[in-house]
Amino acid sequence: EVDVTVAADAADGTILSARVEARLAGG
């Protein structure tokens, strides 16, 4: 898990996109 805080001035309708990837043995 990781906690994040949205910017106080973030505009309505802003899309916050996150992506996680996994790699084996540093490939």
mmCIF file of all heavy atoms, coordinates in Angstrom:
data_MODEL
# 
_entry.id   MODEL 
# 
loop_
_atom_site.group_PDB 
_atom_site.id 
_atom_site.type_symbol 
_atom_site.label_atom_id 
_atom_site.label_alt_id 
_atom_site.label_comp_id 
_atom_site.label_asym_id 
_atom_site.label_entity_id 
_atom_site.label_seq_id 
_atom_site.pdbx_PDB_ins_code 
_atom_site.Cartn_x 
_atom_site.Cartn_y 
_atom_site.Cartn_z 
_atom_site.occupancy 
_atom_site.B_iso_or_equiv 
_atom_site.pdbx_formal_charge 
_atom_site.auth_seq_id 
_atom_site.auth_comp_id 
_atom_site.auth_asym_id 
_atom_site.auth_atom_id 
_atom_site.pdbx_PDB_model_num 
ATOM 1   N N   . GLU A 1 1  ? 0.830   -1.198  0.000   1.00 0.00 ? 1  GLU A N   1 
ATOM 2   C CA  . GLU A 1 1  ? 0.000   0.000   0.000   1.00 0.00 ? 1  GLU A CA  1 
ATOM 3   C C   . GLU A 1 1  ? 0.867   1.252   0.000   1.00 0.00 ? 1  GLU A C   1 
ATOM 4   O O   . GLU A 1 1  ? 2.004   1.243   0.484   1.00 0.00 ? 1  GLU A O   1 
ATOM 5   C CB  . GLU A 1 1  ? -0.916  0.040   1.243   1.00 0.00 ? 1  GLU A CB  1 
ATOM 6   C CG  . GLU A 1 1  ? -1.964  -1.055  1.291   1.00 0.00 ? 1  GLU A CG  1 
ATOM 7   C CD  . GLU A 1 1  ? -2.933  -0.872  2.455   1.00 0.00 ? 1  GLU A CD  1 
ATOM 8   O OE1 . GLU A 1 1  ? -2.708  0.037   3.280   1.00 0.00 ? 1  GLU A OE1 1 
ATOM 9   O OE2 . GLU A 1 1  ? -3.919  -1.626  2.523   1.00 0.00 ? 1  GLU A OE2 1 
ATOM 10  N N   . VAL A 1 2  ? 0.305   2.331   -0.537  1.00 0.00 ? 2  VAL A N   1 
ATOM 11  C CA  . VAL A 1 2  ? 0.927   3.644   -0.434  1.00 0.00 ? 2  VAL A CA  1 
ATOM 12  C C   . VAL A 1 2  ? -0.181  4.689   -0.301  1.00 0.00 ? 2  VAL A C   1 
ATOM 13  O O   . VAL A 1 2  ? -1.181  4.651   -1.028  1.00 0.00 ? 2  VAL A O   1 
ATOM 14  C CB  . VAL A 1 2  ? 1.841   3.947   -1.640  1.00 0.00 ? 2  VAL A CB  1 
ATOM 15  C CG1 . VAL A 1 2  ? 1.089   3.846   -2.945  1.00 0.00 ? 2  VAL A CG1 1 
ATOM 16  C CG2 . VAL A 1 2  ? 2.485   5.314   -1.493  1.00 0.00 ? 2  VAL A CG2 1 
ATOM 17  N N   . ASP A 1 3  ? -0.020  5.600   0.650   1.00 0.00 ? 3  ASP A N   1 
ATOM 18  C CA  . ASP A 1 3  ? -0.967  6.701   0.847   1.00 0.00 ? 3  ASP A CA  1 
ATOM 19  C C   . ASP A 1 3  ? -0.529  7.905   0.024   1.00 0.00 ? 3  ASP A C   1 
ATOM 20  O O   . ASP A 1 3  ? 0.674   8.240   -0.018  1.00 0.00 ? 3  ASP A O   1 
ATOM 21  C CB  . ASP A 1 3  ? -1.038  7.103   2.324   1.00 0.00 ? 3  ASP A CB  1 
ATOM 22  C CG  . ASP A 1 3  ? -1.545  5.978   3.206   1.00 0.00 ? 3  ASP A CG  1 
ATOM 23  O OD1 . ASP A 1 3  ? -2.336  5.155   2.724   1.00 0.00 ? 3  ASP A OD1 1 
ATOM 24  O OD2 . ASP A 1 3  ? -1.143  5.922   4.390   1.00 0.00 ? 3  ASP A OD2 1 
ATOM 25  N N   . VAL A 1 4  ? -1.487  8.557   -0.611  1.00 0.00 ? 4  VAL A N   1 
ATOM 26  C CA  . VAL A 1 4  ? -1.188  9.766   -1.367  1.00 0.00 ? 4  VAL A CA  1 
ATOM 27  C C   . VAL A 1 4  ? -2.218  10.838  -1.008  1.00 0.00 ? 4  VAL A C   1 
ATOM 28  O O   . VAL A 1 4  ? -3.334  10.536  -0.586  1.00 0.00 ? 4  VAL A O   1 
ATOM 29  C CB  . VAL A 1 4  ? -1.193  9.519   -2.889  1.00 0.00 ? 4  VAL A CB  1 
ATOM 30  C CG1 . VAL A 1 4  ? -0.137  8.503   -3.282  1.00 0.00 ? 4  VAL A CG1 1 
ATOM 31  C CG2 . VAL A 1 4  ? -2.560  9.071   -3.370  1.00 0.00 ? 4  VAL A CG2 1 
ATOM 32  N N   . THR A 1 5  ? -1.818  12.093  -1.216  1.00 0.00 ? 5  THR A N   1 
ATOM 33  C CA  . THR A 1 5  ? -2.702  13.238  -0.964  1.00 0.00 ? 5  THR A CA  1 
ATOM 34  C C   . THR A 1 5  ? -2.919  13.995  -2.269  1.00 0.00 ? 5  THR A C   1 
ATOM 35  O O   . THR A 1 5  ? -1.949  14.323  -2.971  1.00 0.00 ? 5  THR A O   1 
ATOM 36  C CB  . THR A 1 5  ? -2.094  14.190  0.081   1.00 0.00 ? 5  THR A CB  1 
ATOM 37  O OG1 . THR A 1 5  ? -1.827  13.469  1.288   1.00 0.00 ? 5  THR A OG1 1 
ATOM 38  C CG2 . THR A 1 5  ? -3.052  15.334  0.383   1.00 0.00 ? 5  THR A CG2 1 
ATOM 39  N N   . VAL A 1 6  ? -4.178  14.251  -2.588  1.00 0.00 ? 6  VAL A N   1 
ATOM 40  C CA  . VAL A 1 6  ? -4.512  15.019  -3.790  1.00 0.00 ? 6  VAL A CA  1 
ATOM 41  C C   . VAL A 1 6  ? -4.155  16.489  -3.555  1.00 0.00 ? 6  VAL A C   1 
ATOM 42  O O   . VAL A 1 6  ? -4.327  17.019  -2.449  1.00 0.00 ? 6  VAL A O   1 
ATOM 43  C CB  . VAL A 1 6  ? -6.019  14.898  -4.106  1.00 0.00 ? 6  VAL A CB  1 
ATOM 44  C CG1 . VAL A 1 6  ? -6.356  15.602  -5.408  1.00 0.00 ? 6  VAL A CG1 1 
ATOM 45  C CG2 . VAL A 1 6  ? -6.429  13.439  -4.162  1.00 0.00 ? 6  VAL A CG2 1 
ATOM 46  N N   . ALA A 1 7  ? -3.662  17.142  -4.587  1.00 0.00 ? 7  ALA A N   1 
ATOM 47  C CA  . ALA A 1 7  ? -3.344  18.566  -4.471  1.00 0.00 ? 7  ALA A CA  1 
ATOM 48  C C   . ALA A 1 7  ? -4.585  19.352  -4.072  1.00 0.00 ? 7  ALA A C   1 
ATOM 49  O O   . ALA A 1 7  ? -5.689  19.078  -4.551  1.00 0.00 ? 7  ALA A O   1 
ATOM 50  C CB  . ALA A 1 7  ? -2.788  19.084  -5.796  1.00 0.00 ? 7  ALA A CB  1 
ATOM 51  N N   . ALA A 1 8  ? -4.394  20.328  -3.200  1.00 0.00 ? 8  ALA A N   1 
ATOM 52  C CA  . ALA A 1 8  ? -5.529  21.112  -2.704  1.00 0.00 ? 8  ALA A CA  1 
ATOM 53  C C   . ALA A 1 8  ? -6.186  21.924  -3.807  1.00 0.00 ? 8  ALA A C   1 
ATOM 54  O O   . ALA A 1 8  ? -7.375  22.269  -3.712  1.00 0.00 ? 8  ALA A O   1 
ATOM 55  C CB  . ALA A 1 8  ? -5.067  22.031  -1.575  1.00 0.00 ? 8  ALA A CB  1 
ATOM 56  N N   . ASP A 1 9  ? -5.424  22.243  -4.846  1.00 0.00 ? 9  ASP A N   1 
ATOM 57  C CA  . ASP A 1 9  ? -5.978  23.041  -5.951  1.00 0.00 ? 9  ASP A CA  1 
ATOM 58  C C   . ASP A 1 9  ? -6.344  22.194  -7.168  1.00 0.00 ? 9  ASP A C   1 
ATOM 59  O O   . ASP A 1 9  ? -6.532  22.732  -8.268  1.00 0.00 ? 9  ASP A O   1 
ATOM 60  C CB  . ASP A 1 9  ? -4.994  24.138  -6.355  1.00 0.00 ? 9  ASP A CB  1 
ATOM 61  C CG  . ASP A 1 9  ? -3.653  23.572  -6.829  1.00 0.00 ? 9  ASP A CG  1 
ATOM 62  O OD1 . ASP A 1 9  ? -3.442  22.336  -6.698  1.00 0.00 ? 9  ASP A OD1 1 
ATOM 63  O OD2 . ASP A 1 9  ? -2.809  24.352  -7.313  1.00 0.00 ? 9  ASP A OD2 1 
ATOM 64  N N   . ALA A 1 10 ? -6.455  20.866  -6.987  1.00 0.00 ? 10 ALA A N   1 
ATOM 65  C CA  . ALA A 1 10 ? -6.814  20.003  -8.111  1.00 0.00 ? 10 ALA A CA  1 
ATOM 66  C C   . ALA A 1 10 ? -8.195  20.370  -8.636  1.00 0.00 ? 10 ALA A C   1 
ATOM 67  O O   . ALA A 1 10 ? -9.152  20.533  -7.866  1.00 0.00 ? 10 ALA A O   1 
ATOM 68  C CB  . ALA A 1 10 ? -6.779  18.541  -7.674  1.00 0.00 ? 10 ALA A CB  1 
ATOM 69  N N   . ALA A 1 11 ? -8.310  20.493  -9.939  1.00 0.00 ? 11 ALA A N   1 
ATOM 70  C CA  . ALA A 1 11 ? -9.568  20.920  -10.547 1.00 0.00 ? 11 ALA A CA  1 
ATOM 71  C C   . ALA A 1 11 ? -10.539 19.764  -10.649 1.00 0.00 ? 11 ALA A C   1 
ATOM 72  O O   . ALA A 1 11 ? -10.147 18.609  -10.868 1.00 0.00 ? 11 ALA A O   1 
ATOM 73  C CB  . ALA A 1 11 ? -9.295  21.497  -11.932 1.00 0.00 ? 11 ALA A CB  1 
ATOM 74  N N   . ASP A 1 12 ? -11.829 20.063  -10.487 1.00 0.00 ? 12 ASP A N   1 
ATOM 75  C CA  . ASP A 1 12 ? -12.859 19.052  -10.696 1.00 0.00 ? 12 ASP A CA  1 
ATOM 76  C C   . ASP A 1 12 ? -12.742 18.479  -12.109 1.00 0.00 ? 12 ASP A C   1 
ATOM 77  O O   . ASP A 1 12 ? -12.508 19.218  -13.073 1.00 0.00 ? 12 ASP A O   1 
ATOM 78  C CB  . ASP A 1 12 ? -14.252 19.656  -10.512 1.00 0.00 ? 12 ASP A CB  1 
ATOM 79  C CG  . ASP A 1 12 ? -14.595 19.867  -9.049  1.00 0.00 ? 12 ASP A CG  1 
ATOM 80  O OD1 . ASP A 1 12 ? -13.784 19.490  -8.190  1.00 0.00 ? 12 ASP A OD1 1 
ATOM 81  O OD2 . ASP A 1 12 ? -15.679 20.403  -8.765  1.00 0.00 ? 12 ASP A OD2 1 
ATOM 82  N N   . GLY A 1 13 ? -12.935 17.177  -12.219 1.00 0.00 ? 13 GLY A N   1 
ATOM 83  C CA  . GLY A 1 13 ? -12.841 16.509  -13.501 1.00 0.00 ? 13 GLY A CA  1 
ATOM 84  C C   . GLY A 1 13 ? -11.451 16.003  -13.830 1.00 0.00 ? 13 GLY A C   1 
ATOM 85  O O   . GLY A 1 13 ? -11.274 15.298  -14.828 1.00 0.00 ? 13 GLY A O   1 
ATOM 86  N N   . THR A 1 14 ? -10.461 16.346  -13.004 1.00 0.00 ? 14 THR A N   1 
ATOM 87  C CA  . THR A 1 14 ? -9.106  15.837  -13.236 1.00 0.00 ? 14 THR A CA  1 
ATOM 88  C C   . THR A 1 14 ? -9.097  14.315  -13.097 1.00 0.00 ? 14 THR A C   1 
ATOM 89  O O   . THR A 1 14 ? -9.675  13.767  -12.153 1.00 0.00 ? 14 THR A O   1 
ATOM 90  C CB  . THR A 1 14 ? -8.115  16.452  -12.237 1.00 0.00 ? 14 THR A CB  1 
ATOM 91  O OG1 . THR A 1 14 ? -8.101  17.867  -12.396 1.00 0.00 ? 14 THR A OG1 1 
ATOM 92  C CG2 . THR A 1 14 ? -6.712  15.902  -12.446 1.00 0.00 ? 14 THR A CG2 1 
ATOM 93  N N   . ILE A 1 15 ? -8.447  13.626  -14.023 1.00 0.00 ? 15 ILE A N   1 
ATOM 94  C CA  . ILE A 1 15 ? -8.332  12.168  -13.983 1.00 0.00 ? 15 ILE A CA  1 
ATOM 95  C C   . ILE A 1 15 ? -6.940  11.805  -13.485 1.00 0.00 ? 15 ILE A C   1 
ATOM 96  O O   . ILE A 1 15 ? -5.934  12.201  -14.079 1.00 0.00 ? 15 ILE A O   1 
ATOM 97  C CB  . ILE A 1 15 ? -8.584  11.552  -15.368 1.00 0.00 ? 15 ILE A CB  1 
ATOM 98  C CG1 . ILE A 1 15 ? -9.995  11.892  -15.850 1.00 0.00 ? 15 ILE A CG1 1 
ATOM 99  C CG2 . ILE A 1 15 ? -8.390  10.044  -15.335 1.00 0.00 ? 15 ILE A CG2 1 
ATOM 100 C CD1 . ILE A 1 15 ? -10.291 11.438  -17.264 1.00 0.00 ? 15 ILE A CD1 1 
ATOM 101 N N   . LEU A 1 16 ? -6.882  11.078  -12.391 1.00 0.00 ? 16 LEU A N   1 
ATOM 102 C CA  . LEU A 1 16 ? -5.622  10.632  -11.791 1.00 0.00 ? 16 LEU A CA  1 
ATOM 103 C C   . LEU A 1 16 ? -5.412  9.171   -12.173 1.00 0.00 ? 16 LEU A C   1 
ATOM 104 O O   . LEU A 1 16 ? -6.146  8.297   -11.724 1.00 0.00 ? 16 LEU A O   1 
ATOM 105 C CB  . LEU A 1 16 ? -5.664  10.789  -10.267 1.00 0.00 ? 16 LEU A CB  1 
ATOM 106 C CG  . LEU A 1 16 ? -6.016  12.185  -9.741  1.00 0.00 ? 16 LEU A CG  1 
ATOM 107 C CD1 . LEU A 1 16 ? -6.150  12.155  -8.219  1.00 0.00 ? 16 LEU A CD1 1 
ATOM 108 C CD2 . LEU A 1 16 ? -4.954  13.200  -10.168 1.00 0.00 ? 16 LEU A CD2 1 
ATOM 109 N N   . SER A 1 17 ? -4.400  8.907   -13.011 1.00 0.00 ? 17 SER A N   1 
ATOM 110 C CA  . SER A 1 17 ? -4.169  7.561   -13.525 1.00 0.00 ? 17 SER A CA  1 
ATOM 111 C C   . SER A 1 17 ? -2.902  6.975   -12.916 1.00 0.00 ? 17 SER A C   1 
ATOM 112 O O   . SER A 1 17 ? -1.837  7.607   -12.942 1.00 0.00 ? 17 SER A O   1 
ATOM 113 C CB  . SER A 1 17 ? -4.034  7.584   -15.052 1.00 0.00 ? 17 SER A CB  1 
ATOM 114 O OG  . SER A 1 17 ? -5.223  8.054   -15.654 1.00 0.00 ? 17 SER A OG  1 
ATOM 115 N N   . ALA A 1 18 ? -3.011  5.763   -12.381 1.00 0.00 ? 18 ALA A N   1 
ATOM 116 C CA  . ALA A 1 18 ? -1.868  5.062   -11.800 1.00 0.00 ? 18 ALA A CA  1 
ATOM 117 C C   . ALA A 1 18 ? -1.707  3.713   -12.492 1.00 0.00 ? 18 ALA A C   1 
ATOM 118 O O   . ALA A 1 18 ? -2.682  3.124   -12.971 1.00 0.00 ? 18 ALA A O   1 
ATOM 119 C CB  . ALA A 1 18 ? -2.054  4.865   -10.299 1.00 0.00 ? 18 ALA A CB  1 
ATOM 120 N N   . ARG A 1 19 ? -0.476  3.210   -12.528 1.00 0.00 ? 19 ARG A N   1 
ATOM 121 C CA  . ARG A 1 19 ? -0.184  1.918   -13.158 1.00 0.00 ? 19 ARG A CA  1 
ATOM 122 C C   . ARG A 1 19 ? 0.878   1.208   -12.319 1.00 0.00 ? 19 ARG A C   1 
ATOM 123 O O   . ARG A 1 19 ? 1.860   1.831   -11.902 1.00 0.00 ? 19 ARG A O   1 
ATOM 124 C CB  . ARG A 1 19 ? 0.316   2.117   -14.588 1.00 0.00 ? 19 ARG A CB  1 
ATOM 125 C CG  . ARG A 1 19 ? 0.813   0.844   -15.276 1.00 0.00 ? 19 ARG A CG  1 
ATOM 126 C CD  . ARG A 1 19 ? 1.344   1.154   -16.674 1.00 0.00 ? 19 ARG A CD  1 
ATOM 127 N NE  . ARG A 1 19 ? 1.997   0.009   -17.294 1.00 0.00 ? 19 ARG A NE  1 
ATOM 128 C CZ  . ARG A 1 19 ? 1.366   -0.900  -18.021 1.00 0.00 ? 19 ARG A CZ  1 
ATOM 129 N NH1 . ARG A 1 19 ? 0.070   -0.804  -18.212 1.00 0.00 ? 19 ARG A NH1 1 
ATOM 130 N NH2 . ARG A 1 19 ? 2.023   -1.918  -18.562 1.00 0.00 ? 19 ARG A NH2 1 
ATOM 131 N N   . VAL A 1 20 ? 0.681   -0.077  -12.107 1.00 0.00 ? 20 VAL A N   1 
ATOM 132 C CA  . VAL A 1 20 ? 1.684   -0.884  -11.416 1.00 0.00 ? 20 VAL A CA  1 
ATOM 133 C C   . VAL A 1 20 ? 2.139   -2.000  -12.341 1.00 0.00 ? 20 VAL A C   1 
ATOM 134 O O   . VAL A 1 20 ? 1.343   -2.587  -13.079 1.00 0.00 ? 20 VAL A O   1 
ATOM 135 C CB  . VAL A 1 20 ? 1.140   -1.448  -10.086 1.00 0.00 ? 20 VAL A CB  1 
ATOM 136 C CG1 . VAL A 1 20 ? -0.008  -2.422  -10.301 1.00 0.00 ? 20 VAL A CG1 1 
ATOM 137 C CG2 . VAL A 1 20 ? 2.259   -2.112  -9.286  1.00 0.00 ? 20 VAL A CG2 1 
ATOM 138 N N   . GLU A 1 21 ? 3.444   -2.266  -12.335 1.00 0.00 ? 21 GLU A N   1 
ATOM 139 C CA  . GLU A 1 21 ? 4.026   -3.317  -13.159 1.00 0.00 ? 21 GLU A CA  1 
ATOM 140 C C   . GLU A 1 21 ? 4.862   -4.240  -12.281 1.00 0.00 ? 21 GLU A C   1 
ATOM 141 O O   . GLU A 1 21 ? 5.432   -3.810  -11.272 1.00 0.00 ? 21 GLU A O   1 
ATOM 142 C CB  . GLU A 1 21 ? 4.930   -2.718  -14.249 1.00 0.00 ? 21 GLU A CB  1 
ATOM 143 C CG  . GLU A 1 21 ? 4.210   -1.825  -15.231 1.00 0.00 ? 21 GLU A CG  1 
ATOM 144 C CD  . GLU A 1 21 ? 5.157   -1.207  -16.248 1.00 0.00 ? 21 GLU A CD  1 
ATOM 145 O OE1 . GLU A 1 21 ? 6.393   -1.260  -16.004 1.00 0.00 ? 21 GLU A OE1 1 
ATOM 146 O OE2 . GLU A 1 21 ? 4.677   -0.684  -17.268 1.00 0.00 ? 21 GLU A OE2 1 
ATOM 147 N N   . ALA A 1 22 ? 4.954   -5.496  -12.697 1.00 0.00 ? 22 ALA A N   1 
ATOM 148 C CA  . ALA A 1 22 ? 5.801   -6.466  -12.015 1.00 0.00 ? 22 ALA A CA  1 
ATOM 149 C C   . ALA A 1 22 ? 6.749   -7.088  -13.023 1.00 0.00 ? 22 ALA A C   1 
ATOM 150 O O   . ALA A 1 22 ? 6.342   -7.454  -14.130 1.00 0.00 ? 22 ALA A O   1 
ATOM 151 C CB  . ALA A 1 22 ? 4.962   -7.549  -11.346 1.00 0.00 ? 22 ALA A CB  1 
ATOM 152 N N   . ARG A 1 23 ? 8.009   -7.179  -12.632 1.00 0.00 ? 23 ARG A N   1 
ATOM 153 C CA  . ARG A 1 23 ? 9.011   -7.853  -13.449 1.00 0.00 ? 23 ARG A CA  1 
ATOM 154 C C   . ARG A 1 23 ? 9.722   -8.897  -12.602 1.00 0.00 ? 23 ARG A C   1 
ATOM 155 O O   . ARG A 1 23 ? 10.019  -8.646  -11.423 1.00 0.00 ? 23 ARG A O   1 
ATOM 156 C CB  . ARG A 1 23 ? 10.032  -6.859  -14.005 1.00 0.00 ? 23 ARG A CB  1 
ATOM 157 C CG  . ARG A 1 23 ? 9.493   -5.937  -15.101 1.00 0.00 ? 23 ARG A CG  1 
ATOM 158 C CD  . ARG A 1 23 ? 10.568  -4.966  -15.569 1.00 0.00 ? 23 ARG A CD  1 
ATOM 159 N NE  . ARG A 1 23 ? 10.179  -4.240  -16.767 1.00 0.00 ? 23 ARG A NE  1 
ATOM 160 C CZ  . ARG A 1 23 ? 9.466   -3.121  -16.781 1.00 0.00 ? 23 ARG A CZ  1 
ATOM 161 N NH1 . ARG A 1 23 ? 9.033   -2.616  -15.644 1.00 0.00 ? 23 ARG A NH1 1 
ATOM 162 N NH2 . ARG A 1 23 ? 9.175   -2.524  -17.918 1.00 0.00 ? 23 ARG A NH2 1 
ATOM 163 N N   . LEU A 1 24 ? 10.012  -10.028 -13.208 1.00 0.00 ? 24 LEU A N   1 
ATOM 164 C CA  . LEU A 1 24 ? 10.710  -11.097 -12.511 1.00 0.00 ? 24 LEU A CA  1 
ATOM 165 C C   . LEU A 1 24 ? 12.214  -10.974 -12.718 1.00 0.00 ? 24 LEU A C   1 
ATOM 166 O O   . LEU A 1 24 ? 12.671  -10.730 -13.848 1.00 0.00 ? 24 LEU A O   1 
ATOM 167 C CB  . LEU A 1 24 ? 10.244  -12.465 -13.017 1.00 0.00 ? 24 LEU A CB  1 
ATOM 168 C CG  . LEU A 1 24 ? 8.757   -12.786 -12.804 1.00 0.00 ? 24 LEU A CG  1 
ATOM 169 C CD1 . LEU A 1 24 ? 8.419   -14.144 -13.403 1.00 0.00 ? 24 LEU A CD1 1 
ATOM 170 C CD2 . LEU A 1 24 ? 8.415   -12.769 -11.319 1.00 0.00 ? 24 LEU A CD2 1 
ATOM 171 N N   . ALA A 1 25 ? 12.958  -11.154 -11.637 1.00 0.00 ? 25 ALA A N   1 
ATOM 172 C CA  . ALA A 1 25 ? 14.421  -11.204 -11.688 1.00 0.00 ? 25 ALA A CA  1 
ATOM 173 C C   . ALA A 1 25 ? 15.017  -10.016 -12.446 1.00 0.00 ? 25 ALA A C   1 
ATOM 174 O O   . ALA A 1 25 ? 16.006  -10.164 -13.164 1.00 0.00 ? 25 ALA A O   1 
ATOM 175 C CB  . ALA A 1 25 ? 14.879  -12.522 -12.307 1.00 0.00 ? 25 ALA A CB  1 
ATOM 176 N N   . GLY A 1 26 ? 14.396  -8.851  -12.293 1.00 0.00 ? 26 GLY A N   1 
ATOM 177 C CA  . GLY A 1 26 ? 14.946  -7.647  -12.903 1.00 0.00 ? 26 GLY A CA  1 
ATOM 178 C C   . GLY A 1 26 ? 14.892  -7.620  -14.407 1.00 0.00 ? 26 GLY A C   1 
ATOM 179 O O   . GLY A 1 26 ? 15.596  -6.843  -15.062 1.00 0.00 ? 26 GLY A O   1 
ATOM 180 N N   . GLY A 1 27 ? 14.063  -8.456  -15.034 1.00 0.00 ? 27 GLY A N   1 
ATOM 181 C CA  . GLY A 1 27 ? 13.988  -8.520  -16.490 1.00 0.00 ? 27 GLY A CA  1 
ATOM 182 C C   . GLY A 1 27 ? 13.367  -7.275  -17.087 1.00 0.00 ? 27 GLY A C   1 
ATOM 183 O O   . GLY A 1 27 ? 12.763  -6.451  -16.400 1.00 0.00 ? 27 GLY A O   1 
# 
